[in-house]
Amino acid sequence: MTAALPDAALDQLFRNARSYNAFSGEISDETLHQLYDLVKLGPTEANTTPARFVFVKSPAAKEKLGPALSEGNFAKTMAAPVTVIVGYDMRFHDKLPYLFPHTDAKSWFDGSPEERMYRVALRSSSLQGAYLIMAARALGLDTGPMSGFDTDKVDEAFFKGTTIKSNFLLNLGQGDPASIFQRSPRLGFDEAARIE
């Protein structure tokens, strides 16, 4: 990587990108595969890649998701072309012989306390969720991440009998500019960062 992205790309990914509250359009299964193929390349701790994604697209899947949503998130999620459940697998280390083959990384986690497993799974799946947002923007989609939902209900409806738990939700589609507010303030460099 030898050159910075042009301003137009930075505008699409960051400066002009927003979190939308209303969506339209359709998203093909092919686009969802392209999206995941970008997301999977982002780095995670020891390549653990604990995120598991459910692309909720069909009316039946939306109906399963609906009861878990907070009142404020229900209508926009039901109307969004796709809602992604970003989850994390608490048994992520079972895949490490394949994902991290140059050493016995699985043994680093075998027998670990659940709290350690949770921290690794949550941290890296959150990273992967952020990659999902950026990859969606790169493919011309708008996003609306949210945490207003009952995780137990989502886990029961979509992950019952597995070691996967939900982290957050992300609506995808073509964002309606009328659904957003003026961009909220951000902290300046001196308030949030320092150089030592």
N, C-alpha and C. Protein backbone atom coordinates (compact mmCIF):
# COMPACT_ATOMS: atom_id res chain seq x y z
N MET A 1 0.86 -1.17 0.00
CA MET A 1 0.00 0.00 0.00
C MET A 1 0.90 1.23 0.00
N THR A 2 0.86 1.93 -1.10
CA THR A 2 1.81 3.04 -1.24
C THR A 2 1.14 4.40 -1.39
N ALA A 3 -0.17 4.44 -1.57
CA ALA A 3 -0.83 5.73 -1.81
C ALA A 3 -2.07 5.86 -0.94
N ALA A 4 -2.30 7.07 -0.48
CA ALA A 4 -3.53 7.34 0.26
C ALA A 4 -4.72 7.29 -0.69
N LEU A 5 -5.88 6.94 -0.16
CA LEU A 5 -7.10 6.95 -0.97
C LEU A 5 -7.44 8.37 -1.39
N PRO A 6 -8.07 8.53 -2.54
CA PRO A 6 -8.47 9.88 -2.96
C PRO A 6 -9.59 10.40 -2.06
N ASP A 7 -9.76 11.72 -2.09
CA ASP A 7 -10.76 12.36 -1.25
C ASP A 7 -12.16 11.79 -1.46
N ALA A 8 -12.50 11.45 -2.69
CA ALA A 8 -13.84 10.92 -2.96
C ALA A 8 -14.07 9.63 -2.18
N ALA A 9 -13.06 8.78 -2.10
CA ALA A 9 -13.19 7.53 -1.34
C ALA A 9 -13.29 7.81 0.16
N LEU A 10 -12.49 8.74 0.66
CA LEU A 10 -12.55 9.09 2.07
C LEU A 10 -13.89 9.72 2.42
N ASP A 11 -14.44 10.50 1.50
CA ASP A 11 -15.78 11.06 1.71
C ASP A 11 -16.81 9.94 1.84
N GLN A 12 -16.75 8.96 0.95
CA GLN A 12 -17.73 7.86 0.96
C GLN A 12 -17.61 7.01 2.21
N LEU A 13 -16.39 6.77 2.65
CA LEU A 13 -16.18 5.90 3.80
C LEU A 13 -16.37 6.60 5.14
N PHE A 14 -16.02 7.89 5.22
CA PHE A 14 -16.01 8.59 6.49
C PHE A 14 -16.75 9.93 6.49
N ARG A 15 -16.27 10.88 5.71
CA ARG A 15 -16.73 12.26 5.85
C ARG A 15 -18.21 12.46 5.57
N ASN A 16 -18.71 11.83 4.53
CA ASN A 16 -20.11 12.00 4.16
C ASN A 16 -20.98 10.83 4.60
N ALA A 17 -20.38 9.77 5.11
CA ALA A 17 -21.13 8.59 5.54
C ALA A 17 -21.86 8.89 6.84
N ARG A 18 -23.06 8.34 6.96
CA ARG A 18 -23.88 8.58 8.15
C ARG A 18 -24.54 7.27 8.57
N SER A 19 -25.07 7.26 9.77
CA SER A 19 -25.90 6.15 10.25
C SER A 19 -27.35 6.52 9.99
N TYR A 20 -28.00 5.75 9.12
CA TYR A 20 -29.36 6.08 8.68
C TYR A 20 -30.41 5.38 9.54
N ASN A 21 -31.61 5.98 9.54
CA ASN A 21 -32.74 5.44 10.29
C ASN A 21 -33.86 4.95 9.39
N ALA A 22 -33.70 5.08 8.08
CA ALA A 22 -34.69 4.55 7.13
C ALA A 22 -33.95 4.14 5.87
N PHE A 23 -34.40 3.03 5.28
CA PHE A 23 -33.71 2.44 4.14
C PHE A 23 -34.70 2.00 3.08
N SER A 24 -34.20 1.93 1.86
CA SER A 24 -34.98 1.38 0.75
C SER A 24 -34.04 0.55 -0.11
N GLY A 25 -34.57 0.06 -1.23
CA GLY A 25 -33.75 -0.69 -2.17
C GLY A 25 -33.76 -2.17 -1.90
N GLU A 26 -32.99 -2.87 -2.70
CA GLU A 26 -32.82 -4.31 -2.56
C GLU A 26 -31.33 -4.61 -2.54
N ILE A 27 -30.98 -5.69 -1.87
CA ILE A 27 -29.59 -6.13 -1.80
C ILE A 27 -29.56 -7.59 -2.23
N SER A 28 -28.79 -7.87 -3.26
CA SER A 28 -28.73 -9.24 -3.77
C SER A 28 -27.88 -10.13 -2.86
N ASP A 29 -28.12 -11.42 -2.95
CA ASP A 29 -27.29 -12.37 -2.22
C ASP A 29 -25.84 -12.27 -2.67
N GLU A 30 -25.64 -12.00 -3.95
CA GLU A 30 -24.27 -11.83 -4.47
C GLU A 30 -23.56 -10.68 -3.76
N THR A 31 -24.27 -9.57 -3.55
CA THR A 31 -23.67 -8.44 -2.84
C THR A 31 -23.32 -8.81 -1.40
N LEU A 32 -24.17 -9.59 -0.75
CA LEU A 32 -23.87 -10.02 0.62
C LEU A 32 -22.64 -10.91 0.66
N HIS A 33 -22.46 -11.74 -0.36
CA HIS A 33 -21.24 -12.55 -0.44
C HIS A 33 -20.02 -11.66 -0.67
N GLN A 34 -20.14 -10.66 -1.54
CA GLN A 34 -19.04 -9.71 -1.76
C GLN A 34 -18.69 -8.99 -0.46
N LEU A 35 -19.72 -8.61 0.26
CA LEU A 35 -19.53 -7.91 1.52
C LEU A 35 -18.74 -8.77 2.50
N TYR A 36 -19.15 -10.02 2.68
CA TYR A 36 -18.43 -10.88 3.60
C TYR A 36 -17.00 -11.14 3.13
N ASP A 37 -16.80 -11.27 1.82
CA ASP A 37 -15.45 -11.52 1.30
C ASP A 37 -14.49 -10.37 1.59
N LEU A 38 -15.01 -9.17 1.76
CA LEU A 38 -14.18 -8.04 2.20
C LEU A 38 -13.97 -8.09 3.71
N VAL A 39 -15.04 -8.31 4.44
CA VAL A 39 -14.98 -8.29 5.91
C VAL A 39 -13.99 -9.33 6.44
N LYS A 40 -13.97 -10.51 5.85
CA LYS A 40 -13.15 -11.60 6.38
C LYS A 40 -11.66 -11.30 6.30
N LEU A 41 -11.27 -10.29 5.53
CA LEU A 41 -9.85 -9.96 5.38
C LEU A 41 -9.33 -9.05 6.47
N GLY A 42 -10.22 -8.44 7.25
CA GLY A 42 -9.79 -7.53 8.32
C GLY A 42 -9.11 -8.30 9.45
N PRO A 43 -8.11 -7.68 10.09
CA PRO A 43 -7.38 -8.37 11.16
C PRO A 43 -8.18 -8.52 12.44
N THR A 44 -7.95 -9.64 13.12
CA THR A 44 -8.50 -9.90 14.45
C THR A 44 -7.39 -10.50 15.30
N GLU A 45 -7.62 -10.57 16.59
CA GLU A 45 -6.62 -11.09 17.52
C GLU A 45 -6.27 -12.53 17.15
N ALA A 46 -5.00 -12.76 16.79
CA ALA A 46 -4.51 -14.10 16.41
C ALA A 46 -5.39 -14.74 15.34
N ASN A 47 -5.97 -13.92 14.47
CA ASN A 47 -6.85 -14.38 13.40
C ASN A 47 -8.00 -15.25 13.93
N THR A 48 -8.47 -14.92 15.12
CA THR A 48 -9.55 -15.70 15.74
C THR A 48 -10.85 -15.60 14.96
N THR A 49 -11.09 -14.49 14.29
CA THR A 49 -12.31 -14.25 13.50
C THR A 49 -13.56 -14.85 14.15
N PRO A 50 -13.92 -14.38 15.36
CA PRO A 50 -15.04 -14.97 16.07
C PRO A 50 -16.41 -14.52 15.58
N ALA A 51 -16.48 -13.50 14.75
CA ALA A 51 -17.79 -12.99 14.32
C ALA A 51 -18.53 -14.02 13.48
N ARG A 52 -19.82 -14.09 13.71
CA ARG A 52 -20.72 -14.90 12.90
C ARG A 52 -21.86 -13.98 12.48
N PHE A 53 -22.21 -14.00 11.21
CA PHE A 53 -23.17 -13.05 10.65
C PHE A 53 -24.42 -13.77 10.16
N VAL A 54 -25.57 -13.23 10.53
CA VAL A 54 -26.83 -13.70 9.98
C VAL A 54 -27.41 -12.52 9.20
N PHE A 55 -27.57 -12.70 7.88
CA PHE A 55 -28.16 -11.67 7.04
C PHE A 55 -29.67 -11.90 7.00
N VAL A 56 -30.39 -11.15 7.81
CA VAL A 56 -31.83 -11.31 7.95
C VAL A 56 -32.49 -10.55 6.81
N LYS A 57 -33.04 -11.32 5.87
CA LYS A 57 -33.53 -10.74 4.62
C LYS A 57 -34.96 -11.16 4.30
N SER A 58 -35.31 -12.39 4.55
CA SER A 58 -36.63 -12.91 4.17
C SER A 58 -37.70 -12.41 5.15
N PRO A 59 -38.95 -12.36 4.71
CA PRO A 59 -40.04 -11.99 5.64
C PRO A 59 -40.10 -12.91 6.86
N ALA A 60 -39.85 -14.20 6.67
CA ALA A 60 -39.89 -15.13 7.80
C ALA A 60 -38.79 -14.82 8.82
N ALA A 61 -37.61 -14.49 8.33
CA ALA A 61 -36.50 -14.16 9.23
C ALA A 61 -36.77 -12.84 9.94
N LYS A 62 -37.34 -11.87 9.22
CA LYS A 62 -37.70 -10.59 9.86
C LYS A 62 -38.73 -10.82 10.96
N GLU A 63 -39.67 -11.72 10.71
CA GLU A 63 -40.69 -12.02 11.71
C GLU A 63 -40.07 -12.63 12.97
N LYS A 64 -39.04 -13.44 12.79
CA LYS A 64 -38.33 -14.02 13.94
C LYS A 64 -37.59 -12.94 14.73
N LEU A 65 -37.05 -11.95 14.02
CA LEU A 65 -36.27 -10.90 14.66
C LEU A 65 -37.15 -9.87 15.37
N GLY A 66 -38.31 -9.60 14.83
CA GLY A 66 -39.17 -8.53 15.31
C GLY A 66 -39.40 -8.49 16.82
N PRO A 67 -39.76 -9.60 17.46
CA PRO A 67 -40.04 -9.55 18.90
C PRO A 67 -38.86 -9.14 19.77
N ALA A 68 -37.64 -9.22 19.24
CA ALA A 68 -36.46 -8.86 20.02
C ALA A 68 -36.12 -7.37 19.95
N LEU A 69 -36.76 -6.64 19.05
CA LEU A 69 -36.39 -5.25 18.79
C LEU A 69 -37.05 -4.29 19.77
N SER A 70 -36.32 -3.24 20.13
CA SER A 70 -36.92 -2.19 20.95
C SER A 70 -37.94 -1.44 20.09
N GLU A 71 -38.84 -0.75 20.76
CA GLU A 71 -39.91 -0.03 20.04
C GLU A 71 -39.33 0.95 19.02
N GLY A 72 -38.26 1.64 19.39
CA GLY A 72 -37.67 2.64 18.51
C GLY A 72 -36.95 2.07 17.30
N ASN A 73 -36.60 0.80 17.35
CA ASN A 73 -35.87 0.17 16.25
C ASN A 73 -36.74 -0.75 15.39
N PHE A 74 -37.98 -0.96 15.80
CA PHE A 74 -38.81 -1.96 15.13
C PHE A 74 -39.12 -1.59 13.68
N ALA A 75 -39.74 -0.44 13.46
CA ALA A 75 -40.23 -0.09 12.12
C ALA A 75 -39.08 0.01 11.12
N LYS A 76 -38.00 0.66 11.50
CA LYS A 76 -36.90 0.84 10.55
C LYS A 76 -36.22 -0.49 10.21
N THR A 77 -36.18 -1.40 11.18
CA THR A 77 -35.56 -2.69 10.94
C THR A 77 -36.45 -3.58 10.07
N MET A 78 -37.74 -3.54 10.31
CA MET A 78 -38.65 -4.33 9.49
C MET A 78 -38.65 -3.84 8.04
N ALA A 79 -38.41 -2.54 7.83
CA ALA A 79 -38.43 -1.97 6.48
C ALA A 79 -37.08 -2.07 5.77
N ALA A 80 -36.00 -2.26 6.51
CA ALA A 80 -34.67 -2.32 5.89
C ALA A 80 -34.55 -3.54 4.98
N PRO A 81 -33.90 -3.41 3.83
CA PRO A 81 -33.72 -4.56 2.95
C PRO A 81 -33.04 -5.75 3.62
N VAL A 82 -32.04 -5.47 4.46
CA VAL A 82 -31.30 -6.51 5.18
C VAL A 82 -30.93 -5.97 6.55
N THR A 83 -31.06 -6.81 7.55
CA THR A 83 -30.52 -6.52 8.87
C THR A 83 -29.51 -7.61 9.19
N VAL A 84 -28.32 -7.21 9.58
CA VAL A 84 -27.28 -8.17 9.91
C VAL A 84 -27.21 -8.34 11.42
N ILE A 85 -27.31 -9.57 11.87
CA ILE A 85 -27.00 -9.88 13.26
C ILE A 85 -25.51 -10.17 13.31
N VAL A 86 -24.78 -9.33 14.01
CA VAL A 86 -23.35 -9.56 14.21
C VAL A 86 -23.21 -10.29 15.54
N GLY A 87 -22.82 -11.54 15.46
CA GLY A 87 -22.65 -12.35 16.66
C GLY A 87 -21.20 -12.73 16.87
N TYR A 88 -20.97 -13.50 17.93
CA TYR A 88 -19.62 -13.99 18.19
C TYR A 88 -19.73 -15.41 18.72
N ASP A 89 -18.78 -16.24 18.31
CA ASP A 89 -18.76 -17.65 18.70
C ASP A 89 -17.82 -17.81 19.89
N MET A 90 -18.39 -18.26 21.00
CA MET A 90 -17.56 -18.47 22.20
C MET A 90 -16.61 -19.67 22.05
N ARG A 91 -16.79 -20.47 21.01
CA ARG A 91 -15.86 -21.57 20.72
C ARG A 91 -15.02 -21.23 19.48
N PHE A 92 -14.72 -19.95 19.32
CA PHE A 92 -13.93 -19.50 18.16
C PHE A 92 -12.62 -20.25 18.04
N HIS A 93 -12.05 -20.64 19.17
CA HIS A 93 -10.72 -21.27 19.14
C HIS A 93 -10.71 -22.65 18.48
N ASP A 94 -11.90 -23.27 18.33
CA ASP A 94 -11.94 -24.56 17.65
C ASP A 94 -11.50 -24.45 16.19
N LYS A 95 -11.60 -23.26 15.61
CA LYS A 95 -11.21 -23.04 14.21
C LYS A 95 -9.74 -22.65 14.06
N LEU A 96 -9.03 -22.47 15.17
CA LEU A 96 -7.66 -21.94 15.08
C LEU A 96 -6.66 -22.88 14.42
N PRO A 97 -6.80 -24.20 14.49
CA PRO A 97 -5.86 -25.03 13.72
C PRO A 97 -5.88 -24.71 12.23
N TYR A 98 -7.03 -24.29 11.72
CA TYR A 98 -7.14 -23.88 10.32
C TYR A 98 -6.76 -22.41 10.14
N LEU A 99 -7.25 -21.54 11.04
CA LEU A 99 -7.08 -20.10 10.87
C LEU A 99 -5.69 -19.60 11.28
N PHE A 100 -5.00 -20.30 12.16
CA PHE A 100 -3.69 -19.87 12.66
C PHE A 100 -2.78 -21.09 12.69
N PRO A 101 -2.46 -21.66 11.51
CA PRO A 101 -1.84 -22.99 11.43
C PRO A 101 -0.37 -23.06 11.80
N HIS A 102 0.32 -21.93 11.92
CA HIS A 102 1.76 -22.00 12.13
C HIS A 102 2.16 -22.25 13.58
N THR A 103 1.17 -22.34 14.48
CA THR A 103 1.46 -22.72 15.87
C THR A 103 0.17 -23.27 16.47
N ASP A 104 0.29 -23.84 17.65
CA ASP A 104 -0.89 -24.43 18.30
C ASP A 104 -1.64 -23.35 19.08
N ALA A 105 -2.29 -22.45 18.36
CA ALA A 105 -3.00 -21.35 18.99
C ALA A 105 -4.25 -21.81 19.74
N LYS A 106 -4.81 -22.92 19.34
CA LYS A 106 -6.00 -23.43 20.03
C LYS A 106 -5.70 -23.68 21.50
N SER A 107 -4.52 -24.15 21.80
CA SER A 107 -4.15 -24.46 23.18
C SER A 107 -4.07 -23.20 24.04
N TRP A 108 -3.91 -22.04 23.43
CA TRP A 108 -3.88 -20.80 24.19
C TRP A 108 -5.22 -20.54 24.88
N PHE A 109 -6.28 -21.09 24.30
CA PHE A 109 -7.63 -20.80 24.79
C PHE A 109 -8.31 -22.00 25.44
N ASP A 110 -7.85 -23.21 25.15
CA ASP A 110 -8.45 -24.38 25.79
C ASP A 110 -8.37 -24.24 27.30
N GLY A 111 -9.50 -24.40 27.97
CA GLY A 111 -9.52 -24.30 29.43
C GLY A 111 -9.49 -22.89 29.97
N SER A 112 -9.53 -21.89 29.09
CA SER A 112 -9.51 -20.50 29.56
C SER A 112 -10.82 -20.17 30.27
N PRO A 113 -10.76 -19.27 31.23
CA PRO A 113 -12.00 -18.83 31.88
C PRO A 113 -12.95 -18.20 30.86
N GLU A 114 -14.24 -18.35 31.10
CA GLU A 114 -15.24 -17.82 30.17
C GLU A 114 -15.07 -16.31 29.98
N GLU A 115 -14.67 -15.61 31.03
CA GLU A 115 -14.50 -14.15 30.92
C GLU A 115 -13.43 -13.80 29.89
N ARG A 116 -12.33 -14.57 29.86
CA ARG A 116 -11.28 -14.31 28.87
C ARG A 116 -11.80 -14.59 27.46
N MET A 117 -12.52 -15.70 27.32
CA MET A 117 -13.07 -16.05 26.02
C MET A 117 -14.04 -14.97 25.54
N TYR A 118 -14.86 -14.48 26.46
CA TYR A 118 -15.83 -13.44 26.13
C TYR A 118 -15.13 -12.17 25.66
N ARG A 119 -14.07 -11.76 26.37
CA ARG A 119 -13.35 -10.54 26.00
C ARG A 119 -12.76 -10.65 24.59
N VAL A 120 -12.13 -11.77 24.30
CA VAL A 120 -11.54 -11.97 22.97
C VAL A 120 -12.62 -12.00 21.91
N ALA A 121 -13.70 -12.75 22.16
CA ALA A 121 -14.77 -12.89 21.18
C ALA A 121 -15.47 -11.55 20.94
N LEU A 122 -15.76 -10.82 22.01
CA LEU A 122 -16.46 -9.54 21.87
C LEU A 122 -15.57 -8.51 21.17
N ARG A 123 -14.31 -8.43 21.58
CA ARG A 123 -13.41 -7.43 21.00
C ARG A 123 -13.23 -7.67 19.49
N SER A 124 -12.90 -8.88 19.12
CA SER A 124 -12.62 -9.13 17.70
C SER A 124 -13.89 -9.15 16.86
N SER A 125 -15.02 -9.60 17.42
CA SER A 125 -16.26 -9.55 16.63
C SER A 125 -16.72 -8.11 16.45
N SER A 126 -16.42 -7.25 17.41
CA SER A 126 -16.75 -5.83 17.26
C SER A 126 -15.89 -5.20 16.17
N LEU A 127 -14.62 -5.59 16.13
CA LEU A 127 -13.76 -5.16 15.02
C LEU A 127 -14.35 -5.60 13.69
N GLN A 128 -14.76 -6.85 13.61
CA GLN A 128 -15.32 -7.37 12.36
C GLN A 128 -16.63 -6.65 12.01
N GLY A 129 -17.41 -6.28 13.01
CA GLY A 129 -18.61 -5.50 12.76
C GLY A 129 -18.29 -4.13 12.19
N ALA A 130 -17.20 -3.53 12.68
CA ALA A 130 -16.77 -2.24 12.13
C ALA A 130 -16.29 -2.41 10.69
N TYR A 131 -15.59 -3.51 10.42
CA TYR A 131 -15.20 -3.77 9.03
C TYR A 131 -16.43 -3.93 8.14
N LEU A 132 -17.48 -4.54 8.69
CA LEU A 132 -18.72 -4.71 7.95
C LEU A 132 -19.31 -3.36 7.54
N ILE A 133 -19.29 -2.41 8.46
CA ILE A 133 -19.80 -1.07 8.15
C ILE A 133 -18.98 -0.44 7.03
N MET A 134 -17.67 -0.51 7.15
CA MET A 134 -16.81 0.12 6.15
C MET A 134 -16.89 -0.59 4.80
N ALA A 135 -16.98 -1.92 4.81
CA ALA A 135 -17.11 -2.67 3.56
C ALA A 135 -18.44 -2.35 2.89
N ALA A 136 -19.50 -2.23 3.68
CA ALA A 136 -20.81 -1.88 3.11
C ALA A 136 -20.74 -0.51 2.45
N ARG A 137 -20.14 0.45 3.12
CA ARG A 137 -19.99 1.79 2.54
C ARG A 137 -19.16 1.73 1.26
N ALA A 138 -18.11 0.91 1.27
CA ALA A 138 -17.27 0.79 0.08
C ALA A 138 -18.03 0.22 -1.11
N LEU A 139 -19.04 -0.63 -0.82
CA LEU A 139 -19.85 -1.22 -1.88
C LEU A 139 -21.07 -0.38 -2.24
N GLY A 140 -21.16 0.81 -1.66
CA GLY A 140 -22.25 1.72 -2.00
C GLY A 140 -23.51 1.55 -1.18
N LEU A 141 -23.41 0.84 -0.07
CA LEU A 141 -24.56 0.66 0.82
C LEU A 141 -24.47 1.62 1.99
N ASP A 142 -25.62 1.99 2.53
CA ASP A 142 -25.67 2.77 3.76
C ASP A 142 -25.94 1.82 4.92
N THR A 143 -25.60 2.26 6.13
CA THR A 143 -25.70 1.40 7.30
C THR A 143 -26.41 2.11 8.45
N GLY A 144 -26.90 1.31 9.36
CA GLY A 144 -27.52 1.81 10.58
C GLY A 144 -27.28 0.84 11.71
N PRO A 145 -26.12 0.96 12.40
CA PRO A 145 -25.84 0.05 13.52
C PRO A 145 -26.72 0.38 14.72
N MET A 146 -27.04 -0.64 15.51
CA MET A 146 -27.87 -0.40 16.69
C MET A 146 -27.69 -1.49 17.73
N SER A 147 -27.98 -1.10 18.96
CA SER A 147 -27.92 -2.05 20.07
C SER A 147 -29.25 -2.16 20.80
N GLY A 148 -30.30 -1.52 20.31
CA GLY A 148 -31.60 -1.55 20.96
C GLY A 148 -32.38 -2.81 20.65
N PHE A 149 -31.98 -3.92 21.29
CA PHE A 149 -32.67 -5.19 21.08
C PHE A 149 -32.38 -6.10 22.26
N ASP A 150 -33.19 -7.12 22.42
CA ASP A 150 -33.04 -8.09 23.50
C ASP A 150 -32.12 -9.21 23.01
N THR A 151 -30.91 -9.25 23.52
CA THR A 151 -29.94 -10.25 23.05
C THR A 151 -30.40 -11.68 23.34
N ASP A 152 -31.05 -11.87 24.47
CA ASP A 152 -31.52 -13.23 24.80
C ASP A 152 -32.54 -13.71 23.77
N LYS A 153 -33.44 -12.82 23.35
CA LYS A 153 -34.45 -13.21 22.36
C LYS A 153 -33.81 -13.49 21.00
N VAL A 154 -32.84 -12.69 20.61
CA VAL A 154 -32.14 -12.93 19.34
C VAL A 154 -31.39 -14.25 19.41
N ASP A 155 -30.71 -14.49 20.52
CA ASP A 155 -29.95 -15.72 20.65
C ASP A 155 -30.87 -16.95 20.62
N GLU A 156 -32.03 -16.82 21.24
CA GLU A 156 -33.00 -17.92 21.25
C GLU A 156 -33.53 -18.18 19.84
N ALA A 157 -33.82 -17.10 19.11
CA ALA A 157 -34.43 -17.23 17.79
C ALA A 157 -33.44 -17.68 16.72
N PHE A 158 -32.20 -17.24 16.82
CA PHE A 158 -31.25 -17.49 15.72
C PHE A 158 -30.06 -18.38 16.09
N PHE A 159 -29.72 -18.49 17.36
CA PHE A 159 -28.50 -19.22 17.74
C PHE A 159 -28.75 -20.33 18.78
N LYS A 160 -30.00 -20.71 18.96
CA LYS A 160 -30.34 -21.72 19.97
C LYS A 160 -29.55 -23.01 19.71
N GLY A 161 -28.99 -23.55 20.78
CA GLY A 161 -28.24 -24.80 20.66
C GLY A 161 -26.83 -24.64 20.13
N THR A 162 -26.37 -23.40 19.99
CA THR A 162 -25.01 -23.14 19.51
C THR A 162 -24.22 -22.40 20.59
N THR A 163 -22.98 -22.12 20.28
CA THR A 163 -22.13 -21.33 21.19
C THR A 163 -22.01 -19.89 20.71
N ILE A 164 -22.93 -19.47 19.86
CA ILE A 164 -22.91 -18.12 19.29
C ILE A 164 -23.86 -17.23 20.07
N LYS A 165 -23.43 -16.00 20.30
CA LYS A 165 -24.24 -14.99 20.99
C LYS A 165 -24.24 -13.72 20.15
N SER A 166 -25.30 -12.93 20.28
CA SER A 166 -25.41 -11.71 19.48
C SER A 166 -24.64 -10.56 20.12
N ASN A 167 -24.06 -9.72 19.26
CA ASN A 167 -23.30 -8.55 19.68
C ASN A 167 -24.09 -7.27 19.37
N PHE A 168 -24.34 -7.01 18.08
CA PHE A 168 -25.15 -5.86 17.69
C PHE A 168 -25.82 -6.12 16.36
N LEU A 169 -26.73 -5.22 15.98
CA LEU A 169 -27.46 -5.32 14.72
C LEU A 169 -27.04 -4.20 13.80
N LEU A 170 -27.19 -4.45 12.49
CA LEU A 170 -26.81 -3.46 11.49
C LEU A 170 -27.79 -3.51 10.34
N ASN A 171 -28.53 -2.43 10.13
CA ASN A 171 -29.41 -2.34 8.97
C ASN A 171 -28.61 -1.92 7.75
N LEU A 172 -28.95 -2.49 6.59
CA LEU A 172 -28.27 -2.18 5.34
C LEU A 172 -29.30 -1.80 4.28
N GLY A 173 -28.91 -0.91 3.38
CA GLY A 173 -29.75 -0.53 2.26
C GLY A 173 -29.32 0.82 1.70
N GLN A 174 -30.23 1.44 1.00
CA GLN A 174 -30.01 2.81 0.53
C GLN A 174 -30.65 3.74 1.54
N GLY A 175 -29.83 4.51 2.23
CA GLY A 175 -30.32 5.36 3.31
C GLY A 175 -31.15 6.53 2.81
N ASP A 176 -32.19 6.85 3.56
CA ASP A 176 -33.05 8.00 3.26
C ASP A 176 -32.47 9.21 3.97
N PRO A 177 -32.00 10.23 3.22
CA PRO A 177 -31.41 11.41 3.87
C PRO A 177 -32.35 12.12 4.83
N ALA A 178 -33.66 11.97 4.63
CA ALA A 178 -34.62 12.61 5.53
C ALA A 178 -34.64 11.94 6.91
N SER A 179 -34.01 10.78 7.04
CA SER A 179 -34.07 10.03 8.30
C SER A 179 -32.92 10.35 9.25
N ILE A 180 -32.04 11.25 8.85
CA ILE A 180 -30.88 11.54 9.70
C ILE A 180 -30.95 12.97 10.23
N PHE A 181 -30.30 13.18 11.34
CA PHE A 181 -30.16 14.50 11.92
C PHE A 181 -28.86 15.11 11.44
N GLN A 182 -28.67 16.38 11.77
CA GLN A 182 -27.38 16.99 11.51
C GLN A 182 -26.32 16.19 12.26
N ARG A 183 -25.14 16.04 11.66
CA ARG A 183 -24.10 15.23 12.29
C ARG A 183 -23.80 15.76 13.69
N SER A 184 -23.75 14.87 14.65
CA SER A 184 -23.43 15.24 16.03
C SER A 184 -21.95 15.61 16.13
N PRO A 185 -21.61 16.43 17.12
CA PRO A 185 -20.21 16.83 17.28
C PRO A 185 -19.30 15.64 17.54
N ARG A 186 -18.05 15.81 17.23
CA ARG A 186 -17.01 14.83 17.53
C ARG A 186 -15.96 15.52 18.38
N LEU A 187 -15.25 14.74 19.19
CA LEU A 187 -14.17 15.30 19.99
C LEU A 187 -13.00 15.68 19.10
N GLY A 188 -12.35 16.75 19.43
CA GLY A 188 -11.14 17.16 18.73
C GLY A 188 -9.96 16.28 19.14
N PHE A 189 -8.92 16.38 18.36
CA PHE A 189 -7.73 15.56 18.62
C PHE A 189 -7.24 15.71 20.06
N ASP A 190 -7.12 16.95 20.54
CA ASP A 190 -6.56 17.17 21.88
C ASP A 190 -7.47 16.66 22.99
N GLU A 191 -8.73 16.43 22.71
CA GLU A 191 -9.64 15.89 23.71
C GLU A 191 -9.63 14.37 23.75
N ALA A 192 -9.26 13.73 22.66
CA ALA A 192 -9.37 12.28 22.57
C ALA A 192 -8.06 11.56 22.28
N ALA A 193 -7.00 12.31 22.00
CA ALA A 193 -5.76 11.66 21.60
C ALA A 193 -4.56 12.45 22.08
N ARG A 194 -3.44 11.80 22.09
CA ARG A 194 -2.18 12.49 22.36
C ARG A 194 -1.06 11.76 21.66
N ILE A 195 0.01 12.46 21.42
CA ILE A 195 1.20 11.89 20.80
C ILE A 195 2.31 11.93 21.85
N GLU A 196 2.89 10.80 22.11
CA GLU A 196 3.97 10.74 23.11
C GLU A 196 5.28 10.35 22.45
